[in-house]
Amino acid sequence: MHGLLLGILAALVSAFSWAASTIFIKLGMKNKSAVVVNIFRLYVVSVMYSVIFLARGTFPKLASLSPEVLGVAFVSGVLGFVVGDYFYFHALKMMGVSRTVPITSTYPLWAILWAFLFLGRRIRPQVVIGAILVVLAIIIVRRAEEKEQVNPKGFIFAMLAPISWSLAILTMDWLTKSLDVLTLAGLRMMFAAVGVSLFLPKYSAELRRITGREAMVLTGAAISGLLLGQYFFVYSVGTVGSQIAAPVSSINPVIASLLAVNLLGESPNRRIMEGLLLAVLGVVLISTA
């Protein structure tokens, strides 16, 4: 019971951390591109993890890892924090938090789909019901966006983000068998920073124009979303399993949208709020099947 409570608490902390990070990112992208925001926060969190690894003597352990583990960790980090977040940040900039989060919160649906297709797992009726709710949520939000003349490209980006995240989660689940929580979280961030460096030649000038205030906001995003949020989510999955960690952390979209309304002045209409609630309910049903 003690471990269960700790795992649930960790999932709740990750949800609040991700919600806070979403707000920081939205604020930081007012005058900066999504790619620059991602480069900055990944570099910041990589430096933080490097300091932690030096203090714990983790680097010699990393050097002893097999090429297979290192390769999967690289793919996991790039899929989650370079590819997936690239789509996510662009969607945030085009549509806002309250319209993007209900769609991107569907990542557990995709993870279960991959498990069915590639691992041959049985799909229970509860998963089917959850999937229907998620699809309804996407349709509702999409219609609301069409009515409000939101850029349709943002909707496509919001759909691609959870697909990338779900693939990253599958690889992360495999890696938890070989690495402890802190090492896995930090290694994925460092590899993601390596992957995002491919954008440096194109965005280095914009990166140098980041102001002190923007740097503080984006550092807040790095600490809340990548350092705290990811660590506690990996810890929760390792402690109580994804079947408990995922539904508990899925309250993130509710928290993020409420913060967006109260802090960013966004005013989601009734259909968007209905979509958000359906998406969360669907994710909970799927994750607890």
Protein backbone atom coordinates (compact mmCIF):
# COMPACT_ATOMS: atom_id res chain seq x y z
CA MET A 1 0.00 0.00 0.00
CA HIS A 2 2.87 2.37 0.78
CA GLY A 3 4.32 1.86 -2.71
CA LEU A 4 0.90 2.33 -4.32
CA LEU A 5 0.36 5.66 -2.59
CA LEU A 6 3.83 6.84 -3.58
CA GLY A 7 3.21 5.86 -7.20
CA ILE A 8 -0.13 7.68 -7.33
CA LEU A 9 1.38 10.75 -5.69
CA ALA A 10 4.22 10.72 -8.25
CA ALA A 11 1.70 10.57 -11.11
CA LEU A 12 -0.20 13.52 -9.65
CA VAL A 13 3.02 15.52 -9.33
CA SER A 14 3.88 14.75 -12.96
CA ALA A 15 0.43 15.94 -14.08
CA PHE A 16 0.77 19.25 -12.25
CA SER A 17 4.33 19.65 -13.53
CA TRP A 18 3.31 19.08 -17.15
CA ALA A 19 0.41 21.50 -16.81
CA ALA A 20 2.70 24.20 -15.43
CA SER A 21 5.21 23.50 -18.21
CA THR A 22 2.49 23.96 -20.82
CA ILE A 23 1.77 27.44 -19.50
CA PHE A 24 5.47 28.35 -19.38
CA ILE A 25 5.92 27.14 -22.97
CA LYS A 26 2.93 29.13 -24.21
CA LEU A 27 4.32 32.27 -22.58
CA GLY A 28 7.82 31.60 -23.91
CA MET A 29 6.62 31.18 -27.50
CA LYS A 30 5.13 34.66 -27.81
CA ASN A 31 8.15 35.93 -29.74
CA LYS A 32 10.13 32.75 -30.38
CA SER A 33 9.65 29.78 -32.68
CA ALA A 34 8.69 26.36 -31.33
CA VAL A 35 12.02 24.84 -32.37
CA VAL A 36 14.06 27.47 -30.50
CA VAL A 37 11.94 26.97 -27.39
CA ASN A 38 12.54 23.22 -27.55
CA ILE A 39 16.30 23.58 -28.13
CA PHE A 40 16.67 25.91 -25.17
CA ARG A 41 14.71 23.83 -22.69
CA LEU A 42 16.38 20.56 -23.71
CA TYR A 43 19.84 22.11 -23.35
CA VAL A 44 18.93 23.53 -19.95
CA VAL A 45 17.59 20.25 -18.58
CA SER A 46 20.53 18.32 -20.05
CA VAL A 47 22.93 20.54 -18.13
CA MET A 48 20.90 19.93 -14.97
CA TYR A 49 20.98 16.17 -15.44
CA SER A 50 24.72 16.29 -16.23
CA VAL A 51 25.34 17.92 -12.86
CA ILE A 52 23.19 15.30 -11.15
CA PHE A 53 24.97 12.47 -12.97
CA LEU A 54 28.38 13.87 -12.03
CA ALA A 55 27.36 14.06 -8.39
CA ARG A 56 26.01 10.50 -8.44
CA GLY A 57 28.82 9.01 -10.52
CA THR A 58 26.39 7.88 -13.23
CA PHE A 59 28.52 8.50 -16.32
CA PRO A 60 30.72 5.35 -15.92
CA LYS A 61 27.49 3.32 -15.76
CA LEU A 62 26.27 4.88 -19.01
CA ALA A 63 29.52 3.95 -20.72
CA SER A 64 28.92 0.30 -19.84
CA LEU A 65 25.44 0.13 -21.39
CA SER A 66 24.92 -2.05 -24.45
CA PRO A 67 24.55 -0.46 -27.91
CA GLU A 68 20.98 -1.78 -28.01
CA VAL A 69 19.95 0.02 -24.82
CA LEU A 70 21.68 3.23 -25.91
CA GLY A 71 20.06 3.05 -29.34
CA VAL A 72 16.57 2.54 -27.95
CA ALA A 73 17.12 5.36 -25.45
CA PHE A 74 18.15 7.67 -28.29
CA VAL A 75 15.05 6.78 -30.33
CA SER A 76 12.85 7.19 -27.25
CA GLY A 77 14.24 10.61 -26.44
CA VAL A 78 14.03 11.91 -30.01
CA LEU A 79 10.49 10.61 -30.59
CA GLY A 80 9.23 12.07 -27.33
CA PHE A 81 11.01 15.38 -27.01
CA VAL A 82 12.10 16.33 -30.51
CA VAL A 83 9.53 14.96 -32.95
CA GLY A 84 6.50 14.82 -30.66
CA ASP A 85 7.15 18.13 -28.95
CA TYR A 86 7.88 19.80 -32.31
CA PHE A 87 4.30 19.06 -33.34
CA TYR A 88 2.98 19.91 -29.88
CA PHE A 89 4.62 23.33 -29.67
CA HIS A 90 3.45 24.31 -33.14
CA ALA A 91 -0.09 23.26 -32.26
CA LEU A 92 0.06 25.31 -29.06
CA LYS A 93 1.16 28.37 -30.96
CA MET A 94 -1.54 27.98 -33.61
CA MET A 95 -4.52 26.95 -31.47
CA GLY A 96 -3.82 27.74 -27.82
CA VAL A 97 -3.62 25.49 -24.78
CA SER A 98 -7.33 24.80 -24.26
CA ARG A 99 -7.77 23.62 -27.86
CA THR A 100 -4.53 21.67 -28.22
CA VAL A 101 -4.42 19.70 -24.95
CA PRO A 102 -7.70 17.75 -25.43
CA ILE A 103 -6.30 16.32 -28.67
CA THR A 104 -2.75 15.65 -27.52
CA SER A 105 -4.02 13.93 -24.36
CA THR A 106 -5.02 10.94 -26.51
CA TYR A 107 -1.52 9.44 -26.49
CA PRO A 108 -2.54 6.38 -24.37
CA LEU A 109 -5.01 5.43 -27.13
CA TRP A 110 -2.19 5.21 -29.65
CA ALA A 111 0.03 3.29 -27.25
CA ILE A 112 -2.69 0.66 -26.81
CA LEU A 113 -3.19 0.50 -30.57
CA TRP A 114 0.51 -0.26 -31.13
CA ALA A 115 0.36 -2.92 -28.42
CA PHE A 116 -2.59 -4.57 -30.21
CA LEU A 117 -0.97 -4.43 -33.66
CA PHE A 118 2.58 -5.39 -32.75
CA LEU A 119 2.28 -7.32 -29.49
CA GLY A 120 -1.01 -9.14 -30.11
CA ARG A 121 -2.65 -7.95 -26.91
CA ARG A 122 -6.40 -8.50 -26.46
CA ILE A 123 -8.57 -5.38 -26.61
CA ARG A 124 -11.29 -5.29 -23.94
CA PRO A 125 -14.71 -3.62 -24.38
CA GLN A 126 -13.57 -0.92 -21.95
CA VAL A 127 -10.86 0.07 -24.42
CA VAL A 128 -13.40 0.25 -27.25
CA ILE A 129 -15.65 2.54 -25.20
CA GLY A 130 -12.70 4.74 -24.27
CA ALA A 131 -11.62 4.92 -27.91
CA ILE A 132 -15.10 6.03 -28.98
CA LEU A 133 -15.07 8.78 -26.34
CA VAL A 134 -11.66 9.97 -27.50
CA VAL A 135 -12.77 10.06 -31.15
CA LEU A 136 -15.89 11.99 -30.17
CA ALA A 137 -13.73 14.44 -28.25
CA ILE A 138 -11.53 15.03 -31.30
CA ILE A 139 -14.58 15.55 -33.53
CA ILE A 140 -16.11 18.02 -31.08
CA VAL A 141 -12.90 20.02 -30.75
CA ARG A 142 -12.35 19.94 -34.52
CA ARG A 143 -15.82 21.34 -35.21
CA ALA A 144 -15.27 24.06 -32.64
CA GLU A 145 -12.00 25.00 -34.35
CA GLU A 146 -13.65 25.16 -37.76
CA LYS A 147 -16.32 27.45 -36.36
CA GLU A 148 -13.72 29.73 -34.83
CA GLN A 149 -11.52 29.64 -37.98
CA VAL A 150 -8.48 28.17 -36.25
CA ASN A 151 -5.59 27.18 -38.52
CA PRO A 152 -6.31 23.55 -39.61
CA LYS A 153 -2.56 22.87 -39.72
CA GLY A 154 -2.53 23.21 -35.94
CA PHE A 155 -5.08 20.40 -35.66
CA ILE A 156 -2.88 18.10 -37.76
CA PHE A 157 0.15 18.90 -35.60
CA ALA A 158 -1.90 18.22 -32.47
CA MET A 159 -2.82 14.79 -33.86
CA LEU A 160 0.78 13.87 -34.75
CA ALA A 161 2.17 14.79 -31.32
CA PRO A 162 0.45 12.00 -29.32
CA ILE A 163 1.38 9.40 -31.95
CA SER A 164 5.06 10.26 -31.49
CA TRP A 165 4.71 10.35 -27.69
CA SER A 166 3.02 6.93 -27.63
CA LEU A 167 5.91 5.35 -29.52
CA ALA A 168 8.32 7.00 -27.10
CA ILE A 169 6.35 5.56 -24.16
CA LEU A 170 6.56 2.05 -25.59
CA THR A 171 10.33 2.28 -25.88
CA MET A 172 10.54 3.80 -22.40
CA ASP A 173 8.59 0.88 -20.95
CA TRP A 174 11.16 -1.49 -22.42
CA LEU A 175 14.03 0.57 -21.04
CA THR A 176 12.70 0.51 -17.46
CA LYS A 177 13.89 -3.10 -17.28
CA SER A 178 17.50 -2.03 -17.81
CA LEU A 179 17.82 1.40 -16.17
CA ASP A 180 16.83 3.04 -12.90
CA VAL A 181 14.37 5.96 -12.95
CA LEU A 182 16.78 8.88 -12.70
CA THR A 183 19.28 7.44 -15.18
CA LEU A 184 16.56 6.68 -17.72
CA ALA A 185 14.96 10.11 -17.40
CA GLY A 186 18.27 11.93 -17.77
CA LEU A 187 19.61 9.78 -20.60
CA ARG A 188 16.48 10.34 -22.69
CA MET A 189 16.81 14.11 -22.19
CA MET A 190 20.47 14.13 -23.15
CA PHE A 191 19.84 12.12 -26.30
CA ALA A 192 16.93 14.41 -27.15
CA ALA A 193 19.28 17.39 -26.81
CA VAL A 194 21.67 15.69 -29.24
CA GLY A 195 18.83 15.07 -31.69
CA VAL A 196 17.46 18.61 -31.53
CA SER A 197 20.95 19.97 -32.27
CA LEU A 198 20.30 19.20 -35.93
CA PHE A 199 18.22 22.38 -35.96
CA LEU A 200 21.03 24.56 -34.60
CA PRO A 201 22.44 25.82 -37.93
CA LYS A 202 19.04 27.20 -38.92
CA TYR A 203 17.98 28.59 -35.54
CA SER A 204 21.23 29.61 -33.83
CA ALA A 205 20.69 33.33 -34.54
CA GLU A 206 17.21 33.26 -33.02
CA LEU A 207 18.50 31.27 -30.08
CA ARG A 208 21.03 34.01 -29.31
CA ARG A 209 18.23 36.60 -29.25
CA ILE A 210 16.47 34.99 -26.28
CA THR A 211 15.98 37.67 -23.64
CA GLY A 212 16.62 37.26 -19.94
CA ARG A 213 12.90 37.10 -19.21
CA GLU A 214 12.33 34.49 -21.92
CA ALA A 215 15.24 32.46 -20.58
CA MET A 216 13.68 32.45 -17.10
CA VAL A 217 10.28 31.37 -18.43
CA LEU A 218 11.76 28.59 -20.58
CA THR A 219 13.97 27.42 -17.72
CA GLY A 220 10.77 27.11 -15.70
CA ALA A 221 9.33 24.98 -18.51
CA ALA A 222 12.44 22.79 -18.50
CA ILE A 223 12.40 22.27 -14.75
CA SER A 224 8.66 21.65 -14.44
CA GLY A 225 8.08 19.56 -17.56
CA LEU A 226 11.36 17.79 -18.30
CA LEU A 227 13.10 17.52 -14.95
CA LEU A 228 10.24 17.07 -12.49
CA GLY A 229 7.38 15.95 -14.73
CA GLN A 230 9.30 13.27 -16.59
CA TYR A 231 11.14 11.98 -13.53
CA PHE A 232 7.96 11.51 -11.51
CA PHE A 233 6.12 9.94 -14.45
CA VAL A 234 8.89 7.38 -15.01
CA TYR A 235 8.99 6.77 -11.25
CA SER A 236 5.22 6.23 -11.17
CA VAL A 237 5.29 3.79 -14.10
CA GLY A 238 8.10 1.87 -12.46
CA THR A 239 6.32 1.75 -9.10
CA VAL A 240 2.66 1.08 -9.89
CA GLY A 241 2.66 0.39 -13.63
CA SER A 242 1.29 2.36 -16.56
CA GLN A 243 -2.24 1.08 -15.90
CA ILE A 244 -2.35 3.29 -12.79
CA ALA A 245 0.18 6.00 -13.65
CA ALA A 246 -1.39 6.89 -17.00
CA PRO A 247 -4.97 7.53 -15.84
CA VAL A 248 -3.83 9.48 -12.79
CA SER A 249 -1.47 11.68 -14.82
CA SER A 250 -4.17 12.15 -17.47
CA ILE A 251 -5.71 14.89 -15.33
CA ASN A 252 -2.95 17.03 -16.86
CA PRO A 253 -5.22 18.43 -19.65
CA VAL A 254 -7.83 19.52 -17.14
CA ILE A 255 -5.22 21.31 -15.03
CA ALA A 256 -3.55 22.87 -18.10
CA SER A 257 -6.82 24.16 -19.54
CA LEU A 258 -7.92 25.61 -16.22
CA LEU A 259 -4.55 27.33 -15.88
CA ALA A 260 -4.86 28.64 -19.45
CA VAL A 261 -8.26 30.15 -18.74
CA ASN A 262 -7.15 31.74 -15.47
CA LEU A 263 -3.58 32.78 -16.34
CA LEU A 264 -3.51 33.26 -20.12
CA GLY A 265 -7.01 34.66 -20.57
CA GLU A 266 -8.13 31.92 -22.97
CA SER A 267 -11.88 31.41 -23.14
CA PRO A 268 -12.75 27.94 -24.42
CA ASN A 269 -16.35 27.62 -25.54
CA ARG A 270 -18.76 24.93 -24.40
CA ARG A 271 -17.86 22.45 -27.16
CA ILE A 272 -14.16 22.65 -26.36
CA MET A 273 -14.82 22.01 -22.67
CA GLU A 274 -17.03 19.04 -23.59
CA GLY A 275 -14.27 17.71 -25.81
CA LEU A 276 -11.72 18.07 -23.05
CA LEU A 277 -13.88 16.18 -20.56
CA LEU A 278 -14.60 13.39 -23.05
CA ALA A 279 -10.91 13.07 -23.92
CA VAL A 280 -9.93 12.74 -20.28
CA LEU A 281 -12.68 10.20 -19.59
CA GLY A 282 -11.69 8.19 -22.65
CA VAL A 283 -8.02 8.19 -21.67
CA VAL A 284 -8.89 7.03 -18.15
CA LEU A 285 -11.03 4.17 -19.46
CA ILE A 286 -8.34 3.07 -21.90
CA SER A 287 -5.52 3.27 -19.39
CA THR A 288 -7.35 1.28 -16.71
CA ALA A 289 -8.49 -1.54 -18.99
